[in-house]
């Protein structure tokens, strides 16, 4: 039986570098043979996945609850309802993800990396739970957490995540 995927959240205020960091970490992690899934929280912007005028957009606009598109190299499915993070992670696991990196969902209870863009952002550390480490834009020291510097320590941060993944697989 396949183990549940390891889940790590990346949280921070808007423009803290979450997406940029994830796009740098994903290839480093995938290179090790781990299948990485990513879930992004849209924070209430009501994202638009389809392009207006395309067939899948027309099906959704016509009222379809579920719309899927598949090609020789990829598949996407859009549901006309919100799903909770636990359900999204379960679906990632069913699709074969070993590690699920979550951007956002600050209030969820998974282990987190907190991104701090500026000194005033450190208040976020007291507002979230299960903090594993801090990723900072500037030099920063925390008495009880490892700190990684954005745009400098991505390799070390990838090793930290891989260590966490390996530890969970040994349990």
N, C-alpha and C. Protein backbone atom coordinates (compact mmCIF):
# COMPACT_ATOMS: atom_id res chain seq x y z
N UNK A 1 0.84 -1.19 0.00
CA UNK A 1 0.00 0.00 0.00
C UNK A 1 0.88 1.25 0.00
N UNK A 2 0.59 2.17 -0.86
CA UNK A 2 1.36 3.41 -0.97
C UNK A 2 1.11 4.30 0.24
N UNK A 3 2.20 4.87 0.76
CA UNK A 3 2.07 5.79 1.88
C UNK A 3 1.45 7.10 1.41
N UNK A 4 0.87 7.81 2.37
CA UNK A 4 0.35 9.14 2.05
C UNK A 4 1.52 10.03 1.65
N UNK A 5 1.26 10.99 0.80
CA UNK A 5 2.36 11.88 0.41
C UNK A 5 2.77 12.78 1.58
N UNK A 6 3.99 13.20 1.56
CA UNK A 6 4.47 14.21 2.51
C UNK A 6 3.93 15.55 2.01
N UNK A 7 3.42 16.35 2.93
CA UNK A 7 2.83 17.64 2.59
C UNK A 7 3.61 18.74 3.29
N UNK A 8 4.01 19.74 2.54
CA UNK A 8 4.68 20.92 3.11
C UNK A 8 4.03 22.15 2.51
N UNK A 9 3.60 23.04 3.40
CA UNK A 9 2.98 24.30 2.97
C UNK A 9 4.03 25.40 2.87
N UNK A 10 3.84 26.29 1.93
CA UNK A 10 4.65 27.49 1.76
C UNK A 10 3.70 28.66 1.98
N UNK A 11 3.89 29.38 3.07
CA UNK A 11 2.98 30.48 3.39
C UNK A 11 3.76 31.78 3.52
N UNK A 12 3.09 32.85 3.21
CA UNK A 12 3.68 34.18 3.30
C UNK A 12 2.67 35.17 2.76
N UNK A 13 2.92 36.42 3.02
CA UNK A 13 2.03 37.45 2.50
C UNK A 13 2.18 37.54 0.98
N UNK A 14 1.27 38.27 0.36
CA UNK A 14 1.30 38.47 -1.07
C UNK A 14 2.66 39.02 -1.51
N UNK A 15 3.17 38.51 -2.61
CA UNK A 15 4.46 38.94 -3.16
C UNK A 15 5.65 38.62 -2.27
N UNK A 16 5.52 37.57 -1.44
CA UNK A 16 6.65 37.19 -0.58
C UNK A 16 7.62 36.25 -1.30
N UNK A 17 7.26 35.77 -2.50
CA UNK A 17 8.17 34.92 -3.26
C UNK A 17 7.81 33.45 -3.26
N UNK A 18 6.60 33.12 -2.83
CA UNK A 18 6.19 31.71 -2.74
C UNK A 18 6.28 31.00 -4.09
N UNK A 19 5.66 31.57 -5.11
CA UNK A 19 5.65 30.93 -6.42
C UNK A 19 7.05 30.83 -6.99
N UNK A 20 7.82 31.89 -6.88
CA UNK A 20 9.19 31.89 -7.38
C UNK A 20 10.01 30.81 -6.69
N UNK A 21 9.89 30.70 -5.39
CA UNK A 21 10.63 29.68 -4.65
C UNK A 21 10.21 28.28 -5.08
N UNK A 22 8.91 28.05 -5.18
CA UNK A 22 8.43 26.74 -5.59
C UNK A 22 8.95 26.36 -6.98
N UNK A 23 8.96 27.31 -7.91
CA UNK A 23 9.42 26.99 -9.26
C UNK A 23 10.91 26.67 -9.28
N UNK A 24 11.65 27.14 -8.31
CA UNK A 24 13.08 26.80 -8.21
C UNK A 24 13.29 25.46 -7.51
N UNK A 25 12.44 25.14 -6.54
CA UNK A 25 12.58 23.90 -5.79
C UNK A 25 12.08 22.67 -6.56
N UNK A 26 11.01 22.83 -7.32
CA UNK A 26 10.40 21.68 -8.00
C UNK A 26 11.41 20.90 -8.83
N UNK A 27 12.20 21.52 -9.72
CA UNK A 27 13.14 20.71 -10.50
C UNK A 27 14.21 20.04 -9.63
N UNK A 28 14.64 20.69 -8.56
CA UNK A 28 15.63 20.09 -7.66
C UNK A 28 15.07 18.84 -6.99
N UNK A 29 13.80 18.89 -6.62
CA UNK A 29 13.16 17.75 -5.96
C UNK A 29 12.81 16.64 -6.96
N UNK A 30 12.27 17.02 -8.11
CA UNK A 30 11.91 16.03 -9.13
C UNK A 30 13.13 15.27 -9.63
N UNK A 31 14.27 15.94 -9.67
CA UNK A 31 15.50 15.30 -10.14
C UNK A 31 15.89 14.09 -9.30
N UNK A 32 15.41 14.03 -8.06
CA UNK A 32 15.74 12.92 -7.17
C UNK A 32 14.84 11.71 -7.40
N UNK A 33 13.84 11.86 -8.28
CA UNK A 33 12.92 10.76 -8.55
C UNK A 33 11.62 10.85 -7.77
N UNK A 34 11.48 11.85 -6.94
CA UNK A 34 10.25 12.05 -6.18
C UNK A 34 9.23 12.72 -7.10
N UNK A 35 8.00 12.22 -7.08
CA UNK A 35 6.92 12.85 -7.87
C UNK A 35 6.33 13.97 -7.03
N UNK A 36 6.45 15.19 -7.51
CA UNK A 36 6.01 16.37 -6.77
C UNK A 36 4.68 16.86 -7.33
N UNK A 37 3.71 17.05 -6.43
CA UNK A 37 2.45 17.68 -6.78
C UNK A 37 2.41 19.05 -6.13
N UNK A 38 1.71 19.97 -6.73
CA UNK A 38 1.61 21.33 -6.20
C UNK A 38 0.14 21.74 -6.16
N UNK A 39 -0.25 22.33 -5.03
CA UNK A 39 -1.60 22.87 -4.87
C UNK A 39 -1.45 24.35 -4.55
N UNK A 40 -2.16 25.20 -5.25
CA UNK A 40 -2.12 26.64 -5.00
C UNK A 40 -3.48 27.11 -4.52
N UNK A 41 -3.46 27.90 -3.45
CA UNK A 41 -4.67 28.53 -2.96
C UNK A 41 -4.82 29.87 -3.65
N UNK A 42 -6.01 30.14 -4.17
CA UNK A 42 -6.22 31.37 -4.94
C UNK A 42 -6.64 32.55 -4.08
N UNK A 43 -6.91 32.35 -2.83
CA UNK A 43 -7.19 33.47 -1.94
C UNK A 43 -8.35 34.35 -2.34
N UNK A 44 -9.36 33.80 -3.00
CA UNK A 44 -10.56 34.57 -3.28
C UNK A 44 -10.55 35.37 -4.56
N UNK A 45 -9.64 35.09 -5.47
CA UNK A 45 -9.60 35.85 -6.72
C UNK A 45 -10.46 35.22 -7.81
N UNK A 46 -11.04 34.04 -7.54
CA UNK A 46 -11.88 33.34 -8.50
C UNK A 46 -11.15 33.19 -9.83
N UNK A 47 -10.05 32.45 -9.79
CA UNK A 47 -9.17 32.28 -10.94
C UNK A 47 -9.93 31.85 -12.19
N UNK A 48 -9.34 32.12 -13.32
CA UNK A 48 -9.88 31.70 -14.62
C UNK A 48 -8.85 30.79 -15.27
N UNK A 49 -9.15 29.50 -15.38
CA UNK A 49 -8.22 28.52 -15.93
C UNK A 49 -8.32 28.48 -17.45
N UNK A 50 -9.54 28.45 -17.91
CA UNK A 50 -9.79 28.36 -19.35
C UNK A 50 -9.64 29.72 -20.01
N UNK A 51 -9.42 29.67 -21.30
CA UNK A 51 -9.38 30.89 -22.08
C UNK A 51 -10.78 31.14 -22.66
N UNK A 52 -11.33 32.33 -22.45
CA UNK A 52 -12.65 32.61 -23.03
C UNK A 52 -12.67 32.31 -24.53
N UNK A 53 -13.75 31.65 -24.93
CA UNK A 53 -13.93 31.31 -26.32
C UNK A 53 -13.46 29.92 -26.70
N UNK A 54 -12.59 29.31 -25.88
CA UNK A 54 -12.13 27.94 -26.17
C UNK A 54 -13.23 26.95 -25.84
N UNK A 55 -13.14 25.75 -26.38
CA UNK A 55 -14.21 24.76 -26.21
C UNK A 55 -14.49 24.43 -24.75
N UNK A 56 -13.44 24.19 -23.97
CA UNK A 56 -13.67 23.82 -22.56
C UNK A 56 -14.34 24.97 -21.81
N UNK A 57 -13.98 26.18 -22.13
CA UNK A 57 -14.60 27.35 -21.51
C UNK A 57 -16.08 27.39 -21.89
N UNK A 58 -16.40 27.10 -23.15
CA UNK A 58 -17.79 27.09 -23.61
C UNK A 58 -18.60 26.02 -22.87
N UNK A 59 -18.01 24.84 -22.64
CA UNK A 59 -18.72 23.77 -21.92
C UNK A 59 -19.01 24.21 -20.48
N UNK A 60 -18.03 24.84 -19.86
CA UNK A 60 -18.21 25.30 -18.48
C UNK A 60 -19.25 26.41 -18.43
N UNK A 61 -19.18 27.34 -19.36
CA UNK A 61 -20.14 28.43 -19.42
C UNK A 61 -21.55 27.91 -19.70
N UNK A 62 -21.64 26.77 -20.39
CA UNK A 62 -22.95 26.16 -20.68
C UNK A 62 -23.54 25.47 -19.45
N UNK A 63 -22.72 25.35 -18.39
CA UNK A 63 -23.25 24.79 -17.14
C UNK A 63 -22.73 23.44 -16.73
N UNK A 64 -21.75 22.88 -17.43
CA UNK A 64 -21.20 21.58 -17.03
C UNK A 64 -20.56 21.68 -15.65
N UNK A 65 -20.84 20.73 -14.78
CA UNK A 65 -20.23 20.71 -13.45
C UNK A 65 -18.77 20.29 -13.50
N UNK A 66 -18.44 19.44 -14.45
CA UNK A 66 -17.07 18.95 -14.62
C UNK A 66 -16.69 19.07 -16.08
N UNK A 67 -15.48 19.56 -16.33
CA UNK A 67 -14.97 19.65 -17.69
C UNK A 67 -13.55 19.12 -17.67
N UNK A 68 -13.24 18.21 -18.58
CA UNK A 68 -11.89 17.67 -18.68
C UNK A 68 -11.38 17.84 -20.10
N UNK A 69 -10.07 17.99 -20.20
CA UNK A 69 -9.42 18.04 -21.49
C UNK A 69 -8.18 17.16 -21.39
N UNK A 70 -7.93 16.40 -22.44
CA UNK A 70 -6.78 15.51 -22.45
C UNK A 70 -6.10 15.56 -23.80
N UNK A 71 -4.80 15.49 -23.77
CA UNK A 71 -4.01 15.46 -25.00
C UNK A 71 -3.04 14.29 -24.90
N UNK A 72 -2.15 14.21 -25.84
CA UNK A 72 -1.15 13.15 -25.84
C UNK A 72 -0.22 13.27 -24.64
N UNK A 73 -0.04 14.47 -24.09
CA UNK A 73 0.95 14.67 -23.04
C UNK A 73 0.40 15.15 -21.70
N UNK A 74 -0.87 15.53 -21.63
CA UNK A 74 -1.38 16.04 -20.36
C UNK A 74 -2.90 15.96 -20.28
N UNK A 75 -3.39 16.08 -19.05
CA UNK A 75 -4.82 16.06 -18.77
C UNK A 75 -5.12 17.13 -17.73
N UNK A 76 -6.25 17.78 -17.88
CA UNK A 76 -6.71 18.74 -16.87
C UNK A 76 -8.20 18.55 -16.68
N UNK A 77 -8.64 18.72 -15.43
CA UNK A 77 -10.07 18.64 -15.16
C UNK A 77 -10.44 19.82 -14.26
N UNK A 78 -11.53 20.45 -14.60
CA UNK A 78 -11.99 21.60 -13.84
C UNK A 78 -13.36 21.28 -13.26
N UNK A 79 -13.51 21.50 -11.95
CA UNK A 79 -14.79 21.29 -11.29
C UNK A 79 -15.36 22.63 -10.89
N UNK A 80 -16.65 22.74 -11.01
CA UNK A 80 -17.34 23.98 -10.67
C UNK A 80 -17.76 23.97 -9.20
N UNK A 81 -16.79 23.70 -8.30
CA UNK A 81 -17.04 23.76 -6.86
C UNK A 81 -15.70 23.81 -6.16
N UNK A 82 -15.65 24.42 -5.00
CA UNK A 82 -14.39 24.45 -4.27
C UNK A 82 -14.15 23.11 -3.57
N UNK A 83 -12.88 22.75 -3.42
CA UNK A 83 -12.51 21.56 -2.68
C UNK A 83 -11.57 21.97 -1.55
N UNK A 84 -11.67 21.26 -0.44
CA UNK A 84 -10.77 21.51 0.67
C UNK A 84 -9.39 20.96 0.39
N UNK A 85 -8.42 21.43 1.16
CA UNK A 85 -7.05 21.02 0.95
C UNK A 85 -6.88 19.52 1.14
N UNK A 86 -7.53 18.92 2.12
CA UNK A 86 -7.40 17.48 2.35
C UNK A 86 -7.83 16.69 1.11
N UNK A 87 -8.93 17.10 0.48
CA UNK A 87 -9.40 16.41 -0.73
C UNK A 87 -8.42 16.60 -1.88
N UNK A 88 -7.87 17.80 -2.02
CA UNK A 88 -6.90 18.05 -3.08
C UNK A 88 -5.65 17.20 -2.89
N UNK A 89 -5.21 17.08 -1.65
CA UNK A 89 -4.03 16.25 -1.36
C UNK A 89 -4.34 14.78 -1.65
N UNK A 90 -5.53 14.33 -1.27
CA UNK A 90 -5.92 12.94 -1.55
C UNK A 90 -5.92 12.67 -3.05
N UNK A 91 -6.38 13.62 -3.83
CA UNK A 91 -6.38 13.45 -5.28
C UNK A 91 -4.97 13.44 -5.84
N UNK A 92 -4.10 14.28 -5.29
CA UNK A 92 -2.69 14.27 -5.70
C UNK A 92 -2.07 12.91 -5.39
N UNK A 93 -2.38 12.37 -4.22
CA UNK A 93 -1.86 11.06 -3.83
C UNK A 93 -2.35 9.99 -4.79
N UNK A 94 -3.63 10.04 -5.12
CA UNK A 94 -4.20 9.05 -6.04
C UNK A 94 -3.56 9.14 -7.43
N UNK A 95 -3.10 10.33 -7.78
CA UNK A 95 -2.45 10.53 -9.08
C UNK A 95 -0.96 10.19 -9.03
N UNK A 96 -0.46 9.80 -7.84
CA UNK A 96 0.92 9.34 -7.74
C UNK A 96 1.91 10.30 -7.11
N UNK A 97 1.45 11.38 -6.51
CA UNK A 97 2.38 12.32 -5.88
C UNK A 97 3.00 11.71 -4.62
N UNK A 98 4.30 11.85 -4.49
CA UNK A 98 5.03 11.45 -3.28
C UNK A 98 5.13 12.61 -2.30
N UNK A 99 5.23 13.79 -2.84
CA UNK A 99 5.42 15.01 -2.06
C UNK A 99 4.46 16.05 -2.62
N UNK A 100 3.67 16.67 -1.75
CA UNK A 100 2.74 17.72 -2.19
C UNK A 100 3.18 19.03 -1.55
N UNK A 101 3.52 19.99 -2.39
CA UNK A 101 3.89 21.32 -1.94
C UNK A 101 2.67 22.20 -2.10
N UNK A 102 2.30 22.87 -1.03
CA UNK A 102 1.07 23.65 -1.00
C UNK A 102 1.44 25.13 -0.87
N UNK A 103 0.96 25.93 -1.80
CA UNK A 103 1.16 27.38 -1.72
C UNK A 103 -0.08 27.99 -1.10
N UNK A 104 0.09 28.51 0.11
CA UNK A 104 -1.02 29.17 0.79
C UNK A 104 -1.73 28.26 1.76
N UNK A 105 -3.04 28.52 1.96
CA UNK A 105 -3.86 27.82 2.95
C UNK A 105 -3.27 28.01 4.35
N UNK A 106 -2.95 29.22 4.72
CA UNK A 106 -2.26 29.52 5.98
C UNK A 106 -2.86 28.85 7.21
N UNK A 107 -4.16 28.69 7.24
CA UNK A 107 -4.83 28.18 8.45
C UNK A 107 -4.83 26.65 8.56
N UNK A 108 -4.38 25.97 7.53
CA UNK A 108 -4.35 24.51 7.57
C UNK A 108 -3.22 24.03 8.49
N UNK A 109 -3.30 22.79 8.92
CA UNK A 109 -2.40 22.28 9.95
C UNK A 109 -1.23 21.44 9.48
N UNK A 110 -0.80 21.61 8.25
CA UNK A 110 0.35 20.86 7.75
C UNK A 110 1.65 21.61 8.09
N UNK A 111 2.78 20.92 8.05
CA UNK A 111 4.07 21.59 8.29
C UNK A 111 4.29 22.71 7.28
N UNK A 112 4.87 23.81 7.77
CA UNK A 112 4.97 25.01 6.94
C UNK A 112 6.38 25.58 6.86
N UNK A 113 6.67 26.17 5.72
CA UNK A 113 7.80 27.06 5.54
C UNK A 113 7.20 28.45 5.41
N UNK A 114 7.67 29.38 6.21
CA UNK A 114 7.12 30.73 6.23
C UNK A 114 8.08 31.66 5.51
N UNK A 115 7.57 32.36 4.50
CA UNK A 115 8.39 33.31 3.74
C UNK A 115 8.21 34.71 4.31
N UNK A 116 9.33 35.36 4.58
CA UNK A 116 9.34 36.72 5.10
C UNK A 116 10.05 37.62 4.11
N UNK A 117 9.31 38.57 3.55
CA UNK A 117 9.90 39.49 2.58
C UNK A 117 10.57 40.67 3.28
N UNK A 118 9.94 41.15 4.33
CA UNK A 118 10.48 42.32 5.04
C UNK A 118 10.31 42.11 6.54
N UNK A 119 11.03 42.87 7.36
CA UNK A 119 11.00 42.64 8.81
C UNK A 119 9.60 42.63 9.43
N UNK A 120 8.69 43.46 8.96
CA UNK A 120 7.35 43.50 9.52
C UNK A 120 6.55 42.23 9.29
N UNK A 121 7.00 41.40 8.36
CA UNK A 121 6.28 40.17 8.04
C UNK A 121 6.45 39.09 9.11
N UNK A 122 7.41 39.25 10.01
CA UNK A 122 7.67 38.18 10.96
C UNK A 122 6.51 37.95 11.93
N UNK A 123 5.55 38.86 12.00
CA UNK A 123 4.35 38.62 12.79
C UNK A 123 3.61 37.37 12.33
N UNK A 124 3.78 37.01 11.05
CA UNK A 124 3.14 35.82 10.51
C UNK A 124 3.57 34.55 11.27
N UNK A 125 4.78 34.54 11.77
CA UNK A 125 5.27 33.37 12.50
C UNK A 125 4.41 33.04 13.72
N UNK A 126 3.81 34.05 14.33
CA UNK A 126 2.95 33.81 15.50
C UNK A 126 1.50 33.53 15.10
N UNK A 127 1.19 33.67 13.83
CA UNK A 127 -0.19 33.49 13.37
C UNK A 127 -0.45 32.13 12.73
N UNK A 128 0.60 31.37 12.45
CA UNK A 128 0.43 30.07 11.81
C UNK A 128 0.99 28.97 12.71
N UNK A 129 0.59 27.75 12.42
CA UNK A 129 1.03 26.61 13.22
C UNK A 129 2.00 25.74 12.42
N UNK A 130 2.69 24.87 13.13
CA UNK A 130 3.54 23.84 12.54
C UNK A 130 4.62 24.41 11.62
N UNK A 131 5.33 25.42 12.08
CA UNK A 131 6.38 26.05 11.29
C UNK A 131 7.64 25.19 11.35
N UNK A 132 8.15 24.79 10.20
CA UNK A 132 9.38 24.01 10.10
C UNK A 132 10.61 24.88 9.97
N UNK A 133 10.46 25.95 9.18
CA UNK A 133 11.61 26.80 8.87
C UNK A 133 11.12 28.13 8.33
N UNK A 134 12.06 29.07 8.23
CA UNK A 134 11.79 30.39 7.70
C UNK A 134 12.61 30.57 6.43
N UNK A 135 12.01 31.20 5.43
CA UNK A 135 12.72 31.59 4.22
C UNK A 135 12.61 33.10 4.15
N UNK A 136 13.75 33.76 4.14
CA UNK A 136 13.77 35.22 4.25
C UNK A 136 14.47 35.86 3.06
N UNK A 137 14.00 37.06 2.71
CA UNK A 137 14.63 37.85 1.66
C UNK A 137 15.91 38.51 2.16
N UNK A 138 15.97 38.75 3.46
CA UNK A 138 17.11 39.44 4.06
C UNK A 138 17.73 38.53 5.11
N UNK A 139 18.92 38.90 5.58
CA UNK A 139 19.52 38.15 6.67
C UNK A 139 18.57 38.19 7.86
N UNK A 140 18.34 37.06 8.44
CA UNK A 140 17.37 36.94 9.52
C UNK A 140 17.81 35.79 10.41
N UNK A 141 17.65 35.94 11.69
CA UNK A 141 17.99 34.86 12.63
C UNK A 141 16.77 34.57 13.48
N UNK A 142 16.51 33.30 13.69
CA UNK A 142 15.41 32.89 14.57
C UNK A 142 16.01 31.94 15.60
N UNK A 143 15.63 32.11 16.87
CA UNK A 143 16.25 31.29 17.92
C UNK A 143 15.92 29.79 17.86
N UNK A 144 14.79 29.43 17.24
CA UNK A 144 14.41 28.02 17.28
C UNK A 144 14.14 27.37 15.95
N UNK A 145 14.31 28.11 14.86
CA UNK A 145 13.98 27.56 13.55
C UNK A 145 15.15 27.75 12.59
N UNK A 146 15.33 26.77 11.67
CA UNK A 146 16.31 27.02 10.62
C UNK A 146 15.82 28.15 9.71
N UNK A 147 16.76 28.93 9.20
CA UNK A 147 16.43 30.05 8.31
C UNK A 147 17.21 29.87 7.01
N UNK A 148 16.51 30.00 5.91
CA UNK A 148 17.11 29.91 4.58
C UNK A 148 16.92 31.24 3.88
N UNK A 149 17.89 31.63 3.12
CA UNK A 149 17.84 32.90 2.41
C UNK A 149 17.32 32.66 0.99
N UNK A 150 16.28 33.40 0.63
CA UNK A 150 15.70 33.31 -0.71
C UNK A 150 16.75 33.72 -1.73
N UNK A 151 16.81 33.04 -2.84
CA UNK A 151 17.72 33.28 -3.96
C UNK A 151 19.17 32.98 -3.62
N UNK A 152 19.40 32.33 -2.48
CA UNK A 152 20.77 31.96 -2.14
C UNK A 152 20.84 30.52 -1.63
N UNK A 153 19.82 30.09 -0.90
CA UNK A 153 19.89 28.81 -0.21
C UNK A 153 18.91 27.76 -0.74
N UNK A 154 18.52 27.85 -2.01
CA UNK A 154 17.54 26.90 -2.54
C UNK A 154 18.03 25.46 -2.48
N UNK A 155 19.32 25.22 -2.76
CA UNK A 155 19.85 23.85 -2.69
C UNK A 155 19.75 23.30 -1.28
N UNK A 156 20.11 24.12 -0.29
CA UNK A 156 20.03 23.69 1.11
C UNK A 156 18.58 23.46 1.53
N UNK A 157 17.69 24.30 1.06
CA UNK A 157 16.27 24.15 1.38
C UNK A 157 15.71 22.87 0.73
N UNK A 158 16.13 22.58 -0.48
CA UNK A 158 15.71 21.34 -1.13
C UNK A 158 16.20 20.14 -0.32
N UNK A 159 17.44 20.19 0.18
CA UNK A 159 17.95 19.10 1.03
C UNK A 159 17.14 18.97 2.31
N UNK A 160 16.76 20.10 2.90
CA UNK A 160 15.93 20.09 4.11
C UNK A 160 14.60 19.39 3.83
N UNK A 161 13.98 19.70 2.71
CA UNK A 161 12.70 19.08 2.33
C UNK A 161 12.91 17.60 2.06
N UNK A 162 13.98 17.26 1.35
CA UNK A 162 14.26 15.84 1.06
C UNK A 162 14.51 15.06 2.35
N UNK A 163 15.20 15.67 3.31
CA UNK A 163 15.41 15.00 4.60
C UNK A 163 14.08 14.75 5.29
N UNK A 164 13.22 15.72 5.26
CA UNK A 164 11.88 15.57 5.85
C UNK A 164 11.11 14.45 5.15
N UNK A 165 11.20 14.42 3.84
CA UNK A 165 10.54 13.37 3.05
C UNK A 165 11.10 12.00 3.44
N UNK A 166 12.42 11.88 3.49
CA UNK A 166 13.06 10.60 3.81
C UNK A 166 12.68 10.14 5.21
N UNK A 167 12.67 11.05 6.18
CA UNK A 167 12.30 10.70 7.56
C UNK A 167 10.88 10.16 7.60
N UNK A 168 9.98 10.75 6.85
CA UNK A 168 8.59 10.29 6.87
C UNK A 168 8.44 8.92 6.22
N UNK A 169 9.28 8.62 5.25
CA UNK A 169 9.22 7.32 4.58
C UNK A 169 9.76 6.21 5.48
N UNK A 170 10.66 6.57 6.40
CA UNK A 170 11.23 5.60 7.32
C UNK A 170 10.31 5.25 8.47
N UNK A 171 9.25 6.03 8.65
CA UNK A 171 8.34 5.80 9.78
C UNK A 171 7.28 4.79 9.44
